[in-house]
C-alpha atoms as a PDB file:
ATOM      1  CA  MET A   1       0.000   0.000   0.000  1.00  0.00           C
ATOM      2  CA  VAL A   2       1.179   3.542  -0.781  1.00  0.00           C
ATOM      3  CA  GLU A   3       1.960   5.609   2.313  1.00  0.00           C
ATOM      4  CA  ILE A   4       1.158   9.317   2.783  1.00  0.00           C
ATOM      5  CA  ILE A   5       3.668  11.202   4.947  1.00  0.00           C
ATOM      6  CA  PRO A   6       3.253  14.868   5.963  1.00  0.00           C
ATOM      7  CA  ALA A   7       6.224  17.222   5.699  1.00  0.00           C
ATOM      8  CA  ILE A   8       7.122  20.344   7.662  1.00  0.00           C
ATOM      9  CA  LEU A   9       9.495  23.025   6.390  1.00  0.00           C
ATOM     10  CA  PRO A  10      10.374  24.945   9.571  1.00  0.00           C
ATOM     11  CA  HIS A  11      12.442  28.120   9.588  1.00  0.00           C
ATOM     12  CA  SER A  12      12.592  28.196  13.387  1.00  0.00           C
ATOM     13  CA  VAL A  13      12.142  25.935  16.393  1.00  0.00           C
ATOM     14  CA  GLN A  14       8.800  27.630  17.012  1.00  0.00           C
ATOM     15  CA  GLU A  15       7.568  26.762  13.512  1.00  0.00           C
ATOM     16  CA  LEU A  16       8.699  23.171  14.010  1.00  0.00           C
ATOM     17  CA  GLU A  17       6.860  22.911  17.318  1.00  0.00           C
ATOM     18  CA  GLU A  18       3.702  24.471  15.867  1.00  0.00           C
ATOM     19  CA  GLY A  19       3.742  22.151  12.866  1.00  0.00           C
ATOM     20  CA  LEU A  20       4.247  19.046  14.972  1.00  0.00           C
ATOM     21  CA  SER A  21       1.491  20.114  17.359  1.00  0.00           C
ATOM     22  CA  LYS A  22      -0.893  20.353  14.409  1.00  0.00           C
ATOM     23  CA  LEU A  23       0.029  16.822  13.327  1.00  0.00           C
ATOM     24  CA  LYS A  24      -0.094  15.202  16.758  1.00  0.00           C
ATOM     25  CA  GLY A  25      -2.554  12.310  16.644  1.00  0.00           C
ATOM     26  CA  VAL A  26      -2.865  12.767  12.877  1.00  0.00           C
ATOM     27  CA  ALA A  27       0.168  10.936  11.474  1.00  0.00           C
ATOM     28  CA  PRO A  28       2.800   8.681  13.080  1.00  0.00           C
ATOM     29  CA  PHE A  29       5.630   9.756  10.753  1.00  0.00           C
ATOM     30  CA  VAL A  30       6.751  13.257   9.732  1.00  0.00           C
ATOM     31  CA  GLN A  31       9.395  14.472   7.291  1.00  0.00           C
ATOM     32  CA  ILE A  32      11.307  17.553   8.462  1.00  0.00           C
ATOM     33  CA  ASP A  33      12.732  19.588   5.585  1.00  0.00           C
ATOM     34  CA  LEU A  34      16.002  21.271   6.514  1.00  0.00           C
ATOM     35  CA  VAL A  35      16.414  24.351   4.324  1.00  0.00           C
ATOM     36  CA  GLY A  36      18.384  27.537   4.878  1.00  0.00           C
ATOM     37  CA  LYS A  37      19.579  26.452   8.314  1.00  0.00           C
ATOM     38  CA  ASN A  38      19.427  23.338  10.445  1.00  0.00           C
ATOM     39  CA  VAL A  39      16.775  24.160  13.058  1.00  0.00           C
ATOM     40  CA  LEU A  40      17.685  20.940  14.883  1.00  0.00           C
ATOM     41  CA  THR A  41      21.130  22.244  15.841  1.00  0.00           C
ATOM     42  CA  GLY A  42      21.607  22.247  19.587  1.00  0.00           C
ATOM     43  CA  MET A  43      18.559  20.125  20.358  1.00  0.00           C
ATOM     44  CA  GLU A  44      18.779  17.013  22.506  1.00  0.00           C
ATOM     45  CA  THR A  45      15.699  15.531  20.830  1.00  0.00           C
ATOM     46  CA  ILE A  46      13.162  16.654  18.253  1.00  0.00           C
ATOM     47  CA  PRO A  47      10.097  18.254  19.896  1.00  0.00           C
ATOM     48  CA  LEU A  48       7.225  15.818  20.559  1.00  0.00           C
ATOM     49  CA  TRP A  49       9.626  12.949  19.840  1.00  0.00           C
ATOM     50  CA  GLU A  50       7.384  10.572  21.765  1.00  0.00           C
ATOM     51  CA  SER A  51       4.513  11.154  19.306  1.00  0.00           C
ATOM     52  CA  PHE A  52       6.308  10.653  15.977  1.00  0.00           C
ATOM     53  CA  ASP A  53       9.025   8.964  14.008  1.00  0.00           C
ATOM     54  CA  PHE A  54      11.027  11.406  11.918  1.00  0.00           C
ATOM     55  CA  GLU A  55      12.717  11.668   8.555  1.00  0.00           C
ATOM     56  CA  CYS A  56      15.196  14.487   7.938  1.00  0.00           C
ATOM     57  CA  ASP A  57      15.373  15.705   4.340  1.00  0.00           C
ATOM     58  CA  ILE A  58      18.680  17.574   4.186  1.00  0.00           C
ATOM     59  CA  MET A  59      18.569  20.390   1.616  1.00  0.00           C
ATOM     60  CA  LEU A  60      21.512  22.297   3.020  1.00  0.00           C
ATOM     61  CA  PRO A  61      24.697  23.017   1.019  1.00  0.00           C
ATOM     62  CA  ASN A  62      26.935  20.611   2.939  1.00  0.00           C
ATOM     63  CA  PRO A  63      24.882  17.571   4.012  1.00  0.00           C
ATOM     64  CA  SER A  64      27.983  15.812   5.307  1.00  0.00           C
ATOM     65  CA  ALA A  65      28.161  18.421   8.073  1.00  0.00           C
ATOM     66  CA  GLU A  66      24.504  17.896   9.028  1.00  0.00           C
ATOM     67  CA  VAL A  67      23.932  14.139   9.152  1.00  0.00           C
ATOM     68  CA  GLN A  68      25.306  13.659  12.676  1.00  0.00           C
ATOM     69  CA  GLU A  69      22.911  16.309  13.993  1.00  0.00           C
ATOM     70  CA  CYS A  70      20.001  14.365  12.531  1.00  0.00           C
ATOM     71  CA  ILE A  71      21.286  11.119  14.016  1.00  0.00           C
ATOM     72  CA  ASP A  72      21.792  12.678  17.455  1.00  0.00           C
ATOM     73  CA  VAL A  73      18.237  14.063  17.745  1.00  0.00           C
ATOM     74  CA  GLY A  74      16.645  10.759  16.791  1.00  0.00           C
ATOM     75  CA  ALA A  75      15.760  10.728  13.096  1.00  0.00           C
ATOM     76  CA  SER A  76      14.990   7.224  11.848  1.00  0.00           C
ATOM     77  CA  ARG A  77      15.309   8.121   8.150  1.00  0.00           C
ATOM     78  CA  ILE A  78      17.644  10.615   6.479  1.00  0.00           C
ATOM     79  CA  VAL A  79      17.519  11.837   2.869  1.00  0.00           C
ATOM     80  CA  VAL A  80      20.601  13.211   1.093  1.00  0.00           C
ATOM     81  CA  HIS A  81      20.251  14.972  -2.273  1.00  0.00           C
ATOM     82  CA  ALA A  82      22.434  13.506  -4.996  1.00  0.00           C
ATOM     83  CA  ASN A  83      23.274  16.871  -6.560  1.00  0.00           C
ATOM     84  CA  LEU A  84      24.914  18.334  -3.451  1.00  0.00           C
ATOM     85  CA  GLU A  85      28.691  18.519  -3.359  1.00  0.00           C
ATOM     86  CA  SER A  86      29.264  16.361  -0.287  1.00  0.00           C
ATOM     87  CA  ALA A  87      26.428  13.905  -0.972  1.00  0.00           C
ATOM     88  CA  ARG A  88      28.660  10.842  -1.195  1.00  0.00           C
ATOM     89  CA  GLU A  89      30.598  11.830   1.927  1.00  0.00           C
ATOM     90  CA  ALA A  90      27.306  12.258   3.808  1.00  0.00           C
ATOM     91  CA  LEU A  91      26.085   8.842   2.670  1.00  0.00           C
ATOM     92  CA  GLU A  92      29.366   7.230   3.690  1.00  0.00           C
ATOM     93  CA  LYS A  93      29.024   8.741   7.170  1.00  0.00           C
ATOM     94  CA  LEU A  94      25.567   7.195   7.450  1.00  0.00           C
ATOM     95  CA  GLN A  95      26.733   3.647   6.742  1.00  0.00           C
ATOM     96  CA  LYS A  96      27.599   3.029  10.387  1.00  0.00           C
ATOM     97  CA  VAL A  97      23.945   3.529  11.424  1.00  0.00           C
ATOM     98  CA  ARG A  98      22.204   1.511   8.697  1.00  0.00           C
ATOM     99  CA  ALA A  99      22.299  -1.631  10.848  1.00  0.00           C
ATOM    100  CA  GLY A 100      21.791  -2.502  14.499  1.00  0.00           C
ATOM    101  CA  ASP A 101      18.965  -2.192  17.008  1.00  0.00           C
ATOM    102  CA  PHE A 102      18.188   1.412  16.045  1.00  0.00           C
ATOM    103  CA  ALA A 103      19.004   1.300  12.350  1.00  0.00           C
ATOM    104  CA  ILE A 104      18.502   4.465  10.310  1.00  0.00           C
ATOM    105  CA  ALA A 105      17.202   4.144   6.754  1.00  0.00           C
ATOM    106  CA  VAL A 106      19.131   6.193   4.200  1.00  0.00           C
ATOM    107  CA  GLY A 107      17.606   7.783   1.124  1.00  0.00           C
ATOM    108  CA  VAL A 108      19.050   9.442  -1.973  1.00  0.00           C
ATOM    109  CA  ALA A 109      17.034  12.220  -3.597  1.00  0.00           C
ATOM    110  CA  LEU A 110      16.998  12.645  -7.385  1.00  0.00           C
ATOM    111  CA  GLY A 111      15.682  15.631  -9.307  1.00  0.00           C
ATOM    112  CA  ALA A 112      12.766  15.122 -11.688  1.00  0.00           C
ATOM    113  CA  HIS A 113      15.118  15.627 -14.638  1.00  0.00           C
ATOM    114  CA  ASP A 114      17.821  13.248 -13.395  1.00  0.00           C
ATOM    115  CA  MET A 115      18.504   9.944 -15.057  1.00  0.00           C
ATOM    116  CA  PRO A 116      18.469   6.600 -13.225  1.00  0.00           C
ATOM    117  CA  GLU A 117      22.206   6.311 -13.968  1.00  0.00           C
ATOM    118  CA  GLU A 118      22.763   9.019 -11.334  1.00  0.00           C
ATOM    119  CA  LEU A 119      22.354   6.294  -8.724  1.00  0.00           C
ATOM    120  CA  GLN A 120      25.380   4.348  -9.937  1.00  0.00           C
ATOM    121  CA  LYS A 121      27.859   6.508  -8.027  1.00  0.00           C
ATOM    122  CA  PHE A 122      25.987   5.776  -4.780  1.00  0.00           C
ATOM    123  CA  GLU A 123      25.650   2.020  -5.241  1.00  0.00           C
ATOM    124  CA  ASN A 124      25.126   0.120  -1.975  1.00  0.00           C
ATOM    125  CA  LEU A 125      25.045   3.347   0.066  1.00  0.00           C
ATOM    126  CA  TYR A 126      21.268   3.866   0.294  1.00  0.00           C
ATOM    127  CA  ASP A 127      18.043   2.054   1.186  1.00  0.00           C
ATOM    128  CA  TYR A 128      15.516   4.002  -0.890  1.00  0.00           C
ATOM    129  CA  VAL A 129      15.196   6.789  -3.456  1.00  0.00           C
ATOM    130  CA  GLN A 130      13.281  10.037  -3.185  1.00  0.00           C
ATOM    131  CA  VAL A 131      12.181  11.592  -6.480  1.00  0.00           C
ATOM    132  CA  MET A 132      11.567  15.343  -6.406  1.00  0.00           C
ATOM    133  CA  GLY A 133       8.367  16.450  -8.113  1.00  0.00           C
ATOM    134  CA  ILE A 134       9.246  20.156  -8.271  1.00  0.00           C
ATOM    135  CA  ASP A 135      12.158  21.983  -9.856  1.00  0.00           C
ATOM    136  CA  GLU A 136      12.705  24.446  -6.976  1.00  0.00           C
ATOM    137  CA  VAL A 137      13.501  22.197  -4.031  1.00  0.00           C
ATOM    138  CA  GLY A 138      13.314  23.542  -0.507  1.00  0.00           C
ATOM    139  CA  LYS A 139      10.067  25.406  -1.084  1.00  0.00           C
ATOM    140  CA  GLN A 140       6.656  24.031  -0.185  1.00  0.00           C
ATOM    141  CA  GLY A 141       3.662  24.777  -2.362  1.00  0.00           C
ATOM    142  CA  GLY A 142       5.645  25.040  -5.582  1.00  0.00           C
ATOM    143  CA  PRO A 143       4.008  23.932  -8.826  1.00  0.00           C
ATOM    144  CA  PRO A 144       4.721  20.393 -10.007  1.00  0.00           C
ATOM    145  CA  ASP A 145       6.848  19.850 -13.075  1.00  0.00           C
ATOM    146  CA  PRO A 146       4.411  20.760 -15.901  1.00  0.00           C
ATOM    147  CA  HIS A 147       5.773  17.939 -18.052  1.00  0.00           C
ATOM    148  CA  HIS A 148       5.705  15.455 -15.175  1.00  0.00           C
ATOM    149  CA  HIS A 149       9.267  14.272 -15.643  1.00  0.00           C
ATOM    150  CA  GLU A 150       9.064  12.855 -12.125  1.00  0.00           C
ATOM    151  CA  ILE A 151       6.391  10.362 -13.254  1.00  0.00           C
ATOM    152  CA  VAL A 152       8.585   9.271 -16.159  1.00  0.00           C
ATOM    153  CA  LEU A 153      11.566   8.877 -13.817  1.00  0.00           C
ATOM    154  CA  ILE A 154       9.552   6.861 -11.285  1.00  0.00           C
ATOM    155  CA  ALA A 155       8.285   4.527 -13.999  1.00  0.00           C
ATOM    156  CA  GLU A 156      11.809   4.024 -15.348  1.00  0.00           C
ATOM    157  CA  LEU A 157      13.222   3.364 -11.876  1.00  0.00           C
ATOM    158  CA  ARG A 158      10.471   0.856 -11.182  1.00  0.00           C
ATOM    159  CA  LYS A 159      11.186  -0.881 -14.497  1.00  0.00           C
ATOM    160  CA  ARG A 160      14.926  -1.116 -13.866  1.00  0.00           C
ATOM    161  CA  PHE A 161      14.764  -1.817 -10.131  1.00  0.00           C
ATOM    162  CA  PRO A 162      11.572  -3.757  -9.352  1.00  0.00           C
ATOM    163  CA  ASN A 163      12.372  -3.996  -5.635  1.00  0.00           C
ATOM    164  CA  LEU A 164      13.524  -0.410  -5.114  1.00  0.00           C
ATOM    165  CA  PHE A 165      11.550   1.583  -2.531  1.00  0.00           C
ATOM    166  CA  ILE A 166      10.587   4.919  -4.107  1.00  0.00           C
ATOM    167  CA  GLN A 167       9.118   7.965  -2.415  1.00  0.00           C
ATOM    168  CA  VAL A 168       8.109  11.259  -4.022  1.00  0.00           C
ATOM    169  CA  ASP A 169       8.336  14.759  -2.577  1.00  0.00           C
ATOM    170  CA  GLY A 170       7.053  18.018  -4.045  1.00  0.00           C
ATOM    171  CA  GLY A 171       3.904  18.791  -6.004  1.00  0.00           C
ATOM    172  CA  VAL A 172       2.419  15.489  -4.887  1.00  0.00           C
ATOM    173  CA  ALA A 173      -1.151  16.225  -3.741  1.00  0.00           C
ATOM    174  CA  PRO A 174      -2.732  16.872  -7.180  1.00  0.00           C
ATOM    175  CA  HIS A 175      -1.204  13.717  -8.703  1.00  0.00           C
ATOM    176  CA  VAL A 176      -1.202  11.014  -6.036  1.00  0.00           C
ATOM    177  CA  ARG A 177      -2.907   8.432  -8.223  1.00  0.00           C
ATOM    178  CA  GLU A 178      -0.571   8.941 -11.179  1.00  0.00           C
ATOM    179  CA  LEU A 179       2.489   8.808  -8.933  1.00  0.00           C
ATOM    180  CA  ALA A 180       1.274   5.639  -7.263  1.00  0.00           C
ATOM    181  CA  HIS A 181       0.482   3.971 -10.575  1.00  0.00           C
ATOM    182  CA  ALA A 182       3.945   4.917 -11.883  1.00  0.00           C
ATOM    183  CA  GLY A 183       5.475   2.890  -9.057  1.00  0.00           C
ATOM    184  CA  ALA A 184       5.851   5.127  -5.983  1.00  0.00           C
ATOM    185  CA  ASN A 185       5.653   3.445  -2.574  1.00  0.00           C
ATOM    186  CA  ARG A 186       5.483   6.566  -0.415  1.00  0.00           C
ATOM    187  CA  LEU A 187       4.223  10.102  -1.058  1.00  0.00           C
ATOM    188  CA  ILE A 188       5.451  13.122   0.910  1.00  0.00           C
ATOM    189  CA  VAL A 189       2.898  15.934   1.136  1.00  0.00           C
ATOM    190  CA  GLY A 190       3.792  19.304   2.641  1.00  0.00           C
ATOM    191  CA  SER A 191       1.759  22.476   2.224  1.00  0.00           C
ATOM    192  CA  ALA A 192      -1.505  20.766   1.227  1.00  0.00           C
ATOM    193  CA  ILE A 193      -1.594  18.979   4.599  1.00  0.00           C
ATOM    194  CA  MET A 194      -0.077  21.744   6.722  1.00  0.00           C
ATOM    195  CA  ASN A 195      -2.484  24.364   5.333  1.00  0.00           C
ATOM    196  CA  SER A 196      -5.520  22.117   5.680  1.00  0.00           C
ATOM    197  CA  ASP A 197      -8.184  22.783   8.308  1.00  0.00           C
ATOM    198  CA  ASN A 198      -8.528  19.014   8.708  1.00  0.00           C
ATOM    199  CA  PRO A 199      -5.140  17.391   8.004  1.00  0.00           C
ATOM    200  CA  LYS A 200      -6.282  13.968   9.209  1.00  0.00           C
ATOM    201  CA  ALA A 201      -9.185  13.873   6.753  1.00  0.00           C
ATOM    202  CA  LEU A 202      -6.954  15.077   3.913  1.00  0.00           C
ATOM    203  CA  ILE A 203      -4.332  12.405   4.612  1.00  0.00           C
ATOM    204  CA  GLN A 204      -7.046   9.753   4.563  1.00  0.00           C
ATOM    205  CA  SER A 205      -8.431  11.132   1.295  1.00  0.00           C
ATOM    206  CA  LEU A 206      -4.998  11.154  -0.349  1.00  0.00           C
ATOM    207  CA  TYR A 207      -4.328   7.635   0.930  1.00  0.00           C
ATOM    208  CA  THR A 208      -7.611   6.366  -0.503  1.00  0.00           C
ATOM    209  CA  GLU A 209      -6.927   7.995  -3.872  1.00  0.00           C
ATOM    210  CA  ALA A 210      -3.343   6.739  -4.062  1.00  0.00           C
ATOM    211  CA  ASN A 211      -4.412   3.177  -3.323  1.00  0.00           C
ATOM    212  CA  ALA A 212      -7.499   3.102  -5.513  1.00  0.00           C
ATOM    213  CA  GLY A 213      -7.464  -0.047  -7.605  1.00  0.00           C
ATOM    214  CA  SER A 214      -4.398  -1.483  -5.863  1.00  0.00           C
END
């Protein structure tokens, strides 16, 4: 079944706390988008850690310098973007935590216009792939790729790697069914959920649509 995961893009600790409070009792898993600065710096744990599991999507210039912060505060999944300069170094740092009692799952993010071959340089360093559905990453509410290159990429990845776990982030809400049918396993939805008056009902609606006919 295709999962729906809400995402928060906080610019401050206060925004993070407010976003998590809105999602408490709504979703068990939350993606935290780290853009501009790492709002987790200096924390002992992520706020409301007892209510959620967390994924950190690192969209900062030097992800290698940020991964330990995400590990220390308790993230159980971490996404590193393939186009960032220290992406491979960041992924190599994460290898030590991919196994054990509290294993952290590691994801590699590809842009909608990337080719599947981009993954070759990260072979054996990741557990899943995140496909970006918008061109301007690090900004919630952006329009999806008008030519839907992300759907083409997902379908090609699914064809080449039948067992690969694929999630999609950015411009997801209007196209959940198409993304699911292309081969996505997990859909990350940000502004549509966070701006909703009833996020729980919206998540359920998106889940039902994504899994229609499955």
